[in-house]
């Protein structure tokens, strides 16, 4: 039976529910995926506080992503 892979979350926007600590450790982000919200470990270059909106820029291993701060554009 063929294996179905999970959809990529690269390019998705989420909100940190646990602050990141830069290279000292990950936080946790909730990302909207497939009509629901899913939690991932979130790494960032610099520490980011809880409730920061972030953009997923890369996937590491299972349920672990790299994020960067995100500001929505008001058009």
N, C-alpha and C. Protein backbone atom coordinates (compact mmCIF):
# COMPACT_ATOMS: atom_id res chain seq x y z
N UNK A 1 0.84 -1.17 0.00
CA UNK A 1 0.00 0.00 0.00
C UNK A 1 0.89 1.24 0.00
N UNK A 2 0.67 2.19 -0.90
CA UNK A 2 1.49 3.40 -0.94
C UNK A 2 1.27 4.26 0.30
N UNK A 3 2.33 4.90 0.71
CA UNK A 3 2.28 5.77 1.88
C UNK A 3 1.89 7.19 1.45
N UNK A 4 0.97 7.79 2.18
CA UNK A 4 0.54 9.16 1.89
C UNK A 4 1.32 10.09 2.80
N UNK A 5 1.99 11.07 2.21
CA UNK A 5 2.79 12.00 3.02
C UNK A 5 1.92 13.15 3.50
N UNK A 6 2.32 13.73 4.62
CA UNK A 6 1.60 14.87 5.17
C UNK A 6 1.85 16.09 4.29
N UNK A 7 0.88 17.00 4.24
CA UNK A 7 1.08 18.22 3.44
C UNK A 7 2.17 19.09 4.04
N UNK A 8 2.90 19.78 3.20
CA UNK A 8 3.94 20.68 3.67
C UNK A 8 3.31 21.89 4.34
N UNK A 9 3.94 22.38 5.41
CA UNK A 9 3.46 23.59 6.08
C UNK A 9 4.33 24.79 5.74
N UNK A 10 5.33 24.61 4.85
CA UNK A 10 6.16 25.74 4.43
C UNK A 10 5.27 26.77 3.76
N UNK A 11 5.39 28.03 4.20
CA UNK A 11 4.57 29.10 3.67
C UNK A 11 3.32 29.37 4.49
N UNK A 12 3.05 28.51 5.47
CA UNK A 12 1.88 28.71 6.32
C UNK A 12 2.22 29.70 7.44
N UNK A 13 1.19 30.41 7.89
CA UNK A 13 1.34 31.36 8.99
C UNK A 13 0.73 30.75 10.24
N UNK A 14 1.39 30.99 11.37
CA UNK A 14 0.88 30.48 12.64
C UNK A 14 1.19 31.44 13.76
N UNK A 15 0.82 31.03 14.96
CA UNK A 15 1.02 31.85 16.16
C UNK A 15 1.78 31.02 17.20
N UNK A 16 2.80 31.63 17.81
CA UNK A 16 3.56 30.92 18.83
C UNK A 16 2.73 30.78 20.10
N UNK A 17 2.62 29.56 20.59
CA UNK A 17 1.94 29.31 21.86
C UNK A 17 2.96 29.12 22.97
N UNK A 18 4.21 28.87 22.59
CA UNK A 18 5.35 28.84 23.52
C UNK A 18 6.48 29.61 22.84
N UNK A 19 7.07 30.56 23.56
CA UNK A 19 8.14 31.40 23.00
C UNK A 19 9.31 30.55 22.52
N UNK A 20 9.97 31.01 21.44
CA UNK A 20 11.21 30.37 21.00
C UNK A 20 12.38 31.01 21.74
N UNK A 21 13.51 30.30 21.78
CA UNK A 21 14.68 30.81 22.49
C UNK A 21 15.89 30.93 21.57
N UNK A 22 15.65 31.12 20.27
CA UNK A 22 16.76 31.20 19.32
C UNK A 22 17.50 29.89 19.30
N UNK A 23 18.83 29.94 19.29
CA UNK A 23 19.63 28.70 19.25
C UNK A 23 19.58 27.92 20.55
N UNK A 24 19.03 28.52 21.63
CA UNK A 24 18.95 27.84 22.92
C UNK A 24 17.80 26.83 23.00
N UNK A 25 16.87 26.88 22.06
CA UNK A 25 15.80 25.89 22.09
C UNK A 25 14.56 26.33 21.35
N UNK A 26 13.70 25.35 21.04
CA UNK A 26 12.50 25.64 20.27
C UNK A 26 11.35 26.11 21.14
N UNK A 27 10.35 26.67 20.46
CA UNK A 27 9.07 26.97 21.07
C UNK A 27 8.05 26.07 20.42
N UNK A 28 6.80 26.51 20.41
CA UNK A 28 5.74 25.74 19.78
C UNK A 28 4.83 26.68 19.01
N UNK A 29 4.44 26.27 17.81
CA UNK A 29 3.59 27.09 16.96
C UNK A 29 2.35 26.30 16.57
N UNK A 30 1.21 27.00 16.53
CA UNK A 30 -0.02 26.42 15.99
C UNK A 30 -0.18 26.92 14.56
N UNK A 31 -0.30 25.98 13.63
CA UNK A 31 -0.39 26.31 12.21
C UNK A 31 -1.71 25.78 11.67
N UNK A 32 -2.41 26.58 10.86
CA UNK A 32 -3.63 26.13 10.21
C UNK A 32 -3.27 25.24 9.04
N UNK A 33 -3.75 23.97 9.10
CA UNK A 33 -3.43 22.98 8.07
C UNK A 33 -4.67 22.13 7.82
N UNK A 34 -5.03 21.99 6.58
CA UNK A 34 -6.12 21.07 6.22
C UNK A 34 -7.42 21.29 6.96
N UNK A 35 -7.79 22.53 7.20
CA UNK A 35 -9.05 22.83 7.86
C UNK A 35 -9.00 22.77 9.37
N UNK A 36 -7.83 22.49 9.94
CA UNK A 36 -7.67 22.45 11.39
C UNK A 36 -6.41 23.18 11.80
N UNK A 37 -6.07 23.07 13.07
CA UNK A 37 -4.84 23.67 13.57
C UNK A 37 -3.99 22.57 14.18
N UNK A 38 -2.69 22.60 13.86
CA UNK A 38 -1.78 21.58 14.37
C UNK A 38 -0.58 22.24 15.01
N UNK A 39 -0.04 21.60 16.05
CA UNK A 39 1.11 22.11 16.79
C UNK A 39 2.41 21.51 16.24
N UNK A 40 3.44 22.36 16.16
CA UNK A 40 4.77 21.95 15.71
C UNK A 40 5.80 22.57 16.63
N UNK A 41 6.93 21.88 16.82
CA UNK A 41 8.08 22.52 17.47
C UNK A 41 8.57 23.59 16.52
N UNK A 42 8.93 24.75 17.05
CA UNK A 42 9.30 25.89 16.20
C UNK A 42 10.66 26.45 16.59
N UNK A 43 11.58 26.46 15.66
CA UNK A 43 12.90 27.04 15.85
C UNK A 43 12.97 28.38 15.13
N UNK A 44 13.70 29.34 15.71
CA UNK A 44 13.90 30.65 15.06
C UNK A 44 15.33 31.09 15.29
N UNK A 45 15.82 31.99 14.43
CA UNK A 45 17.19 32.50 14.58
C UNK A 45 17.35 33.30 15.86
N UNK A 46 16.34 34.08 16.20
CA UNK A 46 16.37 34.91 17.40
C UNK A 46 15.20 34.52 18.29
N UNK A 47 15.30 34.76 19.60
CA UNK A 47 14.17 34.48 20.49
C UNK A 47 12.94 35.29 20.07
N UNK A 48 11.78 34.64 20.09
CA UNK A 48 10.52 35.29 19.74
C UNK A 48 9.53 35.05 20.88
N UNK A 49 8.79 36.08 21.29
CA UNK A 49 7.84 35.92 22.40
C UNK A 49 6.58 35.16 22.00
N UNK A 50 5.91 34.62 23.02
CA UNK A 50 4.62 33.97 22.84
C UNK A 50 3.67 34.93 22.13
N UNK A 51 2.77 34.41 21.35
CA UNK A 51 1.75 35.15 20.58
C UNK A 51 2.30 35.86 19.35
N UNK A 52 3.59 35.70 19.02
CA UNK A 52 4.15 36.28 17.80
C UNK A 52 3.58 35.53 16.59
N UNK A 53 3.13 36.27 15.58
CA UNK A 53 2.72 35.66 14.32
C UNK A 53 4.00 35.31 13.55
N UNK A 54 4.07 34.09 13.02
CA UNK A 54 5.27 33.64 12.33
C UNK A 54 4.91 32.98 11.01
N UNK A 55 5.89 32.95 10.11
CA UNK A 55 5.80 32.28 8.83
C UNK A 55 6.71 31.06 8.88
N UNK A 56 6.20 29.91 8.49
CA UNK A 56 7.02 28.70 8.43
C UNK A 56 7.89 28.78 7.17
N UNK A 57 9.22 28.73 7.36
CA UNK A 57 10.13 28.88 6.22
C UNK A 57 10.86 27.59 5.85
N UNK A 58 10.80 26.58 6.73
CA UNK A 58 11.44 25.30 6.42
C UNK A 58 10.91 24.23 7.36
N UNK A 59 11.01 22.98 6.92
CA UNK A 59 10.65 21.84 7.75
C UNK A 59 11.93 21.09 8.08
N UNK A 60 12.07 20.69 9.32
CA UNK A 60 13.22 19.88 9.74
C UNK A 60 12.79 18.42 9.75
N UNK A 61 12.70 17.85 10.92
CA UNK A 61 12.23 16.47 11.04
C UNK A 61 10.73 16.48 11.31
N UNK A 62 10.20 15.36 11.70
CA UNK A 62 8.77 15.24 11.93
C UNK A 62 8.26 16.28 12.92
N UNK A 63 7.28 17.07 12.49
CA UNK A 63 6.59 18.06 13.32
C UNK A 63 7.53 19.10 13.92
N UNK A 64 8.60 19.42 13.19
CA UNK A 64 9.55 20.45 13.62
C UNK A 64 9.81 21.39 12.45
N UNK A 65 9.67 22.71 12.69
CA UNK A 65 9.78 23.69 11.61
C UNK A 65 10.68 24.85 12.01
N UNK A 66 11.15 25.59 11.01
CA UNK A 66 11.86 26.85 11.21
C UNK A 66 10.87 27.97 10.90
N UNK A 67 10.88 29.01 11.75
CA UNK A 67 9.94 30.12 11.58
C UNK A 67 10.66 31.46 11.62
N UNK A 68 9.99 32.46 11.08
CA UNK A 68 10.47 33.84 11.12
C UNK A 68 9.27 34.73 11.43
N UNK A 69 9.49 35.88 12.08
CA UNK A 69 8.35 36.75 12.38
C UNK A 69 7.59 37.14 11.11
N UNK A 70 6.27 37.31 11.24
CA UNK A 70 5.42 37.64 10.10
C UNK A 70 4.49 38.79 10.45
N UNK A 71 4.40 39.75 9.57
CA UNK A 71 3.45 40.84 9.72
C UNK A 71 2.51 40.81 8.53
N UNK A 72 1.24 40.65 8.79
CA UNK A 72 0.26 40.63 7.71
C UNK A 72 0.15 41.99 7.05
N UNK A 73 -0.05 41.99 5.76
CA UNK A 73 -0.23 43.24 5.02
C UNK A 73 -1.69 43.64 5.05
N UNK A 74 -1.96 44.87 5.38
CA UNK A 74 -3.32 45.38 5.32
C UNK A 74 -3.52 46.05 3.96
N UNK A 75 -4.25 45.39 3.10
CA UNK A 75 -4.48 45.91 1.75
C UNK A 75 -5.83 46.55 1.63
